[in-house]
Amino acid sequence: MATLTIKFPKPPSNSLMLEDNRELTQPWNTYFDQLAQAIDVIVPDAPSPGTYPTGIIDGSDAPAGDIGEYLEATTVGFVTLTSATPADVITLDLTAGDWDVTAWAGFAVASGPANYLSWGIDGTDTFSTGDLASAGGWTGPQRHNLTSTTTVALRANADFGGGVVVTVVGLIRARRMR
């Protein structure tokens, strides 16, 4: 096993640190430059001081590709379902990255009850059963760790008899986690 030996510079303790104008003196500037180079050997990709990620306070959105990027899609009207046939209610394209995805679906049932209603992200993972006239709610978050652009979907399904009409609205949203 190899050993890494790093020589840290000695501070110029016999020199004043600050000039009269509150700037560092040349010996201390040199010391801090040498110290930064020594630390760079230990942590080569460490961010420069003052460049660490911070939160925002101005209400702006994170730029595309940055941690915190937020995407959302909503239906513009009701999607009518066919009994026992899964349907994509709304889709969202996610670029490569690590995303948390959540979705919401709201169902309306007319002319009789539905036996079950289900909804989920890229599948049906939330269920309501019984004689249903309406149902809905959130599903997720679900992690999507992607290496290329991928489409995710809020998918819904229902089981109902003849003459019954089941419609659904929804939204799907995602936040880049890293």
C-alpha atoms as a PDB file:
ATOM      1  CA  MET A   1       0.000   0.000   0.000  1.00  0.00           C
ATOM      2  CA  ALA A   2       1.430   3.363  -1.076  1.00  0.00           C
ATOM      3  CA  THR A   3       1.760   6.189   1.419  1.00  0.00           C
ATOM      4  CA  LEU A   4       1.108   9.765   0.423  1.00  0.00           C
ATOM      5  CA  THR A   5       3.333  12.298   2.156  1.00  0.00           C
ATOM      6  CA  ILE A   6       2.246  15.900   2.007  1.00  0.00           C
ATOM      7  CA  LYS A   7       4.366  18.737   3.255  1.00  0.00           C
ATOM      8  CA  PHE A   8       2.280  21.564   4.634  1.00  0.00           C
ATOM      9  CA  PRO A   9       3.842  25.038   4.621  1.00  0.00           C
ATOM     10  CA  LYS A  10       4.714  26.769   7.878  1.00  0.00           C
ATOM     11  CA  PRO A  11       2.862  29.996   8.581  1.00  0.00           C
ATOM     12  CA  PRO A  12       4.982  33.146   8.427  1.00  0.00           C
ATOM     13  CA  SER A  13       4.527  33.798  12.120  1.00  0.00           C
ATOM     14  CA  ASN A  14       7.226  36.490  12.167  1.00  0.00           C
ATOM     15  CA  SER A  15       5.270  38.601   9.624  1.00  0.00           C
ATOM     16  CA  LEU A  16       2.210  40.755  10.055  1.00  0.00           C
ATOM     17  CA  MET A  17      -0.890  39.192   8.545  1.00  0.00           C
ATOM     18  CA  LEU A  18      -2.632  42.358   7.341  1.00  0.00           C
ATOM     19  CA  GLU A  19      -1.501  45.556   5.667  1.00  0.00           C
ATOM     20  CA  ASP A  20      -2.892  48.903   6.839  1.00  0.00           C
ATOM     21  CA  ASN A  21      -5.571  48.619   4.106  1.00  0.00           C
ATOM     22  CA  ARG A  22      -6.736  45.264   5.629  1.00  0.00           C
ATOM     23  CA  GLU A  23      -5.278  43.206   2.722  1.00  0.00           C
ATOM     24  CA  LEU A  24      -3.077  40.158   3.387  1.00  0.00           C
ATOM     25  CA  THR A  25       0.656  40.808   3.360  1.00  0.00           C
ATOM     26  CA  GLN A  26       2.746  39.064   0.690  1.00  0.00           C
ATOM     27  CA  PRO A  27       4.177  36.391   3.073  1.00  0.00           C
ATOM     28  CA  TRP A  28       0.666  35.429   4.194  1.00  0.00           C
ATOM     29  CA  ASN A  29      -0.647  35.425   0.611  1.00  0.00           C
ATOM     30  CA  THR A  30       2.150  33.044  -0.336  1.00  0.00           C
ATOM     31  CA  TYR A  31       1.439  30.860   2.701  1.00  0.00           C
ATOM     32  CA  PHE A  32      -2.277  30.540   1.884  1.00  0.00           C
ATOM     33  CA  ASP A  33      -1.508  29.770  -1.790  1.00  0.00           C
ATOM     34  CA  GLN A  34       0.902  26.983  -0.756  1.00  0.00           C
ATOM     35  CA  LEU A  35      -1.613  25.653   1.769  1.00  0.00           C
ATOM     36  CA  ALA A  36      -4.352  25.562  -0.911  1.00  0.00           C
ATOM     37  CA  GLN A  37      -2.008  23.620  -3.227  1.00  0.00           C
ATOM     38  CA  ALA A  38      -1.243  21.096  -0.460  1.00  0.00           C
ATOM     39  CA  ILE A  39      -4.943  20.620   0.260  1.00  0.00           C
ATOM     40  CA  ASP A  40      -5.626  20.208  -3.466  1.00  0.00           C
ATOM     41  CA  VAL A  41      -3.353  17.127  -3.397  1.00  0.00           C
ATOM     42  CA  ILE A  42      -5.556  15.593  -0.696  1.00  0.00           C
ATOM     43  CA  VAL A  43      -8.928  16.611  -2.192  1.00  0.00           C
ATOM     44  CA  PRO A  44      -8.217  17.424  -5.846  1.00  0.00           C
ATOM     45  CA  ASP A  45     -11.804  18.306  -6.799  1.00  0.00           C
ATOM     46  CA  ALA A  46     -12.645  20.362  -3.713  1.00  0.00           C
ATOM     47  CA  PRO A  47     -14.490  23.566  -4.554  1.00  0.00           C
ATOM     48  CA  SER A  48     -12.709  26.838  -4.048  1.00  0.00           C
ATOM     49  CA  PRO A  49     -13.583  28.689  -0.844  1.00  0.00           C
ATOM     50  CA  GLY A  50     -16.792  30.640  -1.280  1.00  0.00           C
ATOM     51  CA  THR A  51     -18.053  28.400  -4.094  1.00  0.00           C
ATOM     52  CA  TYR A  52     -19.834  25.769  -2.005  1.00  0.00           C
ATOM     53  CA  PRO A  53     -23.448  25.108  -3.051  1.00  0.00           C
ATOM     54  CA  THR A  54     -25.982  27.226  -1.224  1.00  0.00           C
ATOM     55  CA  GLY A  55     -29.736  27.514  -1.221  1.00  0.00           C
ATOM     56  CA  ILE A  56     -31.564  30.333  -2.974  1.00  0.00           C
ATOM     57  CA  ILE A  57     -33.630  33.045  -1.338  1.00  0.00           C
ATOM     58  CA  ASP A  58     -34.921  34.909  -4.388  1.00  0.00           C
ATOM     59  CA  GLY A  59     -37.673  32.485  -5.459  1.00  0.00           C
ATOM     60  CA  SER A  60     -35.929  31.528  -8.714  1.00  0.00           C
ATOM     61  CA  ASP A  61     -35.889  28.031 -10.213  1.00  0.00           C
ATOM     62  CA  ALA A  62     -32.779  25.870 -10.381  1.00  0.00           C
ATOM     63  CA  PRO A  63     -31.350  25.896 -13.917  1.00  0.00           C
ATOM     64  CA  ALA A  64     -31.700  22.812 -16.117  1.00  0.00           C
ATOM     65  CA  GLY A  65     -29.125  20.207 -15.134  1.00  0.00           C
ATOM     66  CA  ASP A  66     -28.598  21.593 -11.609  1.00  0.00           C
ATOM     67  CA  ILE A  67     -29.544  19.893  -8.363  1.00  0.00           C
ATOM     68  CA  GLY A  68     -33.037  21.061  -7.479  1.00  0.00           C
ATOM     69  CA  GLU A  69     -34.264  21.349 -11.074  1.00  0.00           C
ATOM     70  CA  TYR A  70     -38.067  20.969 -11.045  1.00  0.00           C
ATOM     71  CA  LEU A  71     -40.308  19.705 -13.846  1.00  0.00           C
ATOM     72  CA  GLU A  72     -44.087  19.321 -13.893  1.00  0.00           C
ATOM     73  CA  ALA A  73     -46.794  18.311 -16.347  1.00  0.00           C
ATOM     74  CA  THR A  74     -50.563  18.436 -15.849  1.00  0.00           C
ATOM     75  CA  THR A  75     -53.505  17.226 -17.890  1.00  0.00           C
ATOM     76  CA  VAL A  76     -55.463  19.882 -19.745  1.00  0.00           C
ATOM     77  CA  GLY A  77     -58.724  17.933 -19.534  1.00  0.00           C
ATOM     78  CA  PHE A  78     -60.225  14.641 -18.468  1.00  0.00           C
ATOM     79  CA  VAL A  79     -58.857  11.371 -19.860  1.00  0.00           C
ATOM     80  CA  THR A  80     -61.592   8.766 -20.382  1.00  0.00           C
ATOM     81  CA  LEU A  81     -60.620   5.234 -19.377  1.00  0.00           C
ATOM     82  CA  THR A  82     -61.585   1.903 -20.925  1.00  0.00           C
ATOM     83  CA  SER A  83     -62.376  -0.794 -18.340  1.00  0.00           C
ATOM     84  CA  ALA A  84     -59.377  -2.938 -17.285  1.00  0.00           C
ATOM     85  CA  THR A  85     -57.048  -1.149 -19.725  1.00  0.00           C
ATOM     86  CA  PRO A  86     -54.121   0.840 -18.282  1.00  0.00           C
ATOM     87  CA  ALA A  87     -53.741   4.308 -19.818  1.00  0.00           C
ATOM     88  CA  ASP A  88     -51.041   6.968 -19.618  1.00  0.00           C
ATOM     89  CA  VAL A  89     -52.744  10.039 -18.152  1.00  0.00           C
ATOM     90  CA  ILE A  90     -49.757  12.401 -18.524  1.00  0.00           C
ATOM     91  CA  THR A  91     -46.065  11.938 -19.341  1.00  0.00           C
ATOM     92  CA  LEU A  92     -42.899  13.831 -18.470  1.00  0.00           C
ATOM     93  CA  ASP A  93     -39.469  13.612 -20.131  1.00  0.00           C
ATOM     94  CA  LEU A  94     -36.581  13.435 -17.647  1.00  0.00           C
ATOM     95  CA  THR A  95     -32.977  13.971 -18.707  1.00  0.00           C
ATOM     96  CA  ALA A  96     -30.107  11.884 -17.335  1.00  0.00           C
ATOM     97  CA  GLY A  97     -29.786  12.253 -13.572  1.00  0.00           C
ATOM     98  CA  ASP A  98     -31.186  11.154 -10.236  1.00  0.00           C
ATOM     99  CA  TRP A  99     -34.832  12.217  -9.908  1.00  0.00           C
ATOM    100  CA  ASP A 100     -37.599  11.894  -7.305  1.00  0.00           C
ATOM    101  CA  VAL A 101     -40.947  11.630  -9.080  1.00  0.00           C
ATOM    102  CA  THR A 102     -44.413  12.063  -7.550  1.00  0.00           C
ATOM    103  CA  ALA A 103     -47.825  12.072  -9.181  1.00  0.00           C
ATOM    104  CA  TRP A 104     -51.457  12.808  -8.370  1.00  0.00           C
ATOM    105  CA  ALA A 105     -54.599  11.408  -9.975  1.00  0.00           C
ATOM    106  CA  GLY A 106     -58.240  12.334  -9.483  1.00  0.00           C
ATOM    107  CA  PHE A 107     -61.026  10.101 -10.780  1.00  0.00           C
ATOM    108  CA  ALA A 108     -64.679  10.842 -11.540  1.00  0.00           C
ATOM    109  CA  VAL A 109     -67.124   8.001 -12.049  1.00  0.00           C
ATOM    110  CA  ALA A 110     -70.508   8.555 -13.735  1.00  0.00           C
ATOM    111  CA  SER A 111     -73.575   6.366 -14.388  1.00  0.00           C
ATOM    112  CA  GLY A 112     -72.722   3.774 -11.749  1.00  0.00           C
ATOM    113  CA  PRO A 113     -69.853   2.664  -9.555  1.00  0.00           C
ATOM    114  CA  ALA A 114     -66.382   1.387 -10.466  1.00  0.00           C
ATOM    115  CA  ASN A 115     -65.059  -1.822  -8.884  1.00  0.00           C
ATOM    116  CA  TYR A 116     -61.509  -0.505  -8.548  1.00  0.00           C
ATOM    117  CA  LEU A 117     -59.434   2.498  -9.498  1.00  0.00           C
ATOM    118  CA  SER A 118     -55.644   2.425  -9.590  1.00  0.00           C
ATOM    119  CA  TRP A 119     -52.855   4.835 -10.446  1.00  0.00           C
ATOM    120  CA  GLY A 120     -49.096   5.029 -10.261  1.00  0.00           C
ATOM    121  CA  ILE A 121     -45.862   6.160 -11.821  1.00  0.00           C
ATOM    122  CA  ASP A 122     -44.958   3.868 -14.745  1.00  0.00           C
ATOM    123  CA  GLY A 123     -47.376   1.290 -13.361  1.00  0.00           C
ATOM    124  CA  THR A 124     -50.355   0.952 -11.103  1.00  0.00           C
ATOM    125  CA  ASP A 125     -49.295   0.973  -7.469  1.00  0.00           C
ATOM    126  CA  THR A 126     -52.074   2.792  -5.578  1.00  0.00           C
ATOM    127  CA  PHE A 127     -55.525   1.222  -5.373  1.00  0.00           C
ATOM    128  CA  SER A 128     -59.043   2.049  -4.261  1.00  0.00           C
ATOM    129  CA  THR A 129     -61.598  -0.761  -4.287  1.00  0.00           C
ATOM    130  CA  GLY A 130     -65.333  -1.133  -3.659  1.00  0.00           C
ATOM    131  CA  ASP A 131     -68.341   0.614  -5.147  1.00  0.00           C
ATOM    132  CA  LEU A 132     -66.534   3.805  -6.085  1.00  0.00           C
ATOM    133  CA  ALA A 133     -67.981   7.057  -7.328  1.00  0.00           C
ATOM    134  CA  SER A 134     -64.650   8.907  -7.072  1.00  0.00           C
ATOM    135  CA  ALA A 135     -61.142   8.503  -5.692  1.00  0.00           C
ATOM    136  CA  GLY A 136     -57.661   9.853  -6.069  1.00  0.00           C
ATOM    137  CA  GLY A 137     -54.530  10.941  -4.355  1.00  0.00           C
ATOM    138  CA  TRP A 138     -50.757  11.076  -4.474  1.00  0.00           C
ATOM    139  CA  THR A 139     -48.286   8.343  -5.322  1.00  0.00           C
ATOM    140  CA  GLY A 140     -44.521   8.407  -4.871  1.00  0.00           C
ATOM    141  CA  PRO A 141     -41.954   9.678  -4.454  1.00  0.00           C
ATOM    142  CA  GLN A 142     -40.297   7.151  -6.684  1.00  0.00           C
ATOM    143  CA  ARG A 143     -36.593   7.290  -7.549  1.00  0.00           C
ATOM    144  CA  HIS A 144     -35.537   7.334 -11.198  1.00  0.00           C
ATOM    145  CA  ASN A 145     -31.742   7.192 -11.614  1.00  0.00           C
ATOM    146  CA  LEU A 146     -31.316   7.707 -15.360  1.00  0.00           C
ATOM    147  CA  THR A 147     -28.372   7.631 -17.773  1.00  0.00           C
ATOM    148  CA  SER A 148     -30.327   9.040 -20.713  1.00  0.00           C
ATOM    149  CA  THR A 149     -33.528  10.959 -21.388  1.00  0.00           C
ATOM    150  CA  THR A 150     -36.492   8.823 -20.314  1.00  0.00           C
ATOM    151  CA  THR A 151     -40.241   9.371 -20.354  1.00  0.00           C
ATOM    152  CA  VAL A 152     -42.082   8.677 -17.096  1.00  0.00           C
ATOM    153  CA  ALA A 153     -45.865   8.436 -16.948  1.00  0.00           C
ATOM    154  CA  LEU A 154     -48.755   8.720 -14.555  1.00  0.00           C
ATOM    155  CA  ARG A 155     -50.671   5.578 -15.479  1.00  0.00           C
ATOM    156  CA  ALA A 156     -54.269   4.865 -14.436  1.00  0.00           C
ATOM    157  CA  ASN A 157     -56.584   1.892 -14.643  1.00  0.00           C
ATOM    158  CA  ALA A 158     -60.148   1.088 -13.599  1.00  0.00           C
ATOM    159  CA  ASP A 159     -62.575  -1.803 -13.647  1.00  0.00           C
ATOM    160  CA  PHE A 160     -66.223  -0.970 -14.276  1.00  0.00           C
ATOM    161  CA  GLY A 161     -69.336  -2.337 -15.949  1.00  0.00           C
ATOM    162  CA  GLY A 162     -71.195  -1.326 -19.093  1.00  0.00           C
ATOM    163  CA  GLY A 163     -72.646   2.169 -19.177  1.00  0.00           C
ATOM    164  CA  VAL A 164     -70.243   3.468 -16.511  1.00  0.00           C
ATOM    165  CA  VAL A 165     -67.890   6.301 -17.506  1.00  0.00           C
ATOM    166  CA  VAL A 166     -64.608   6.795 -15.651  1.00  0.00           C
ATOM    167  CA  THR A 167     -62.460   9.858 -16.278  1.00  0.00           C
ATOM    168  CA  VAL A 168     -59.211  10.928 -14.673  1.00  0.00           C
ATOM    169  CA  VAL A 169     -57.073  14.063 -14.415  1.00  0.00           C
ATOM    170  CA  GLY A 170     -53.560  14.241 -13.047  1.00  0.00           C
ATOM    171  CA  LEU A 171     -50.174  15.750 -12.691  1.00  0.00           C
ATOM    172  CA  ILE A 172     -46.663  14.376 -12.523  1.00  0.00           C
ATOM    173  CA  ARG A 173     -43.691  16.232 -11.131  1.00  0.00           C
ATOM    174  CA  ALA A 174     -40.009  15.554 -10.625  1.00  0.00           C
ATOM    175  CA  ARG A 175     -37.088  17.132  -8.784  1.00  0.00           C
ATOM    176  CA  ARG A 176     -33.433  16.445  -9.609  1.00  0.00           C
ATOM    177  CA  MET A 177     -31.830  15.166  -6.429  1.00  0.00           C
ATOM    178  CA  ARG A 178     -28.235  14.939  -7.628  1.00  0.00           C
END
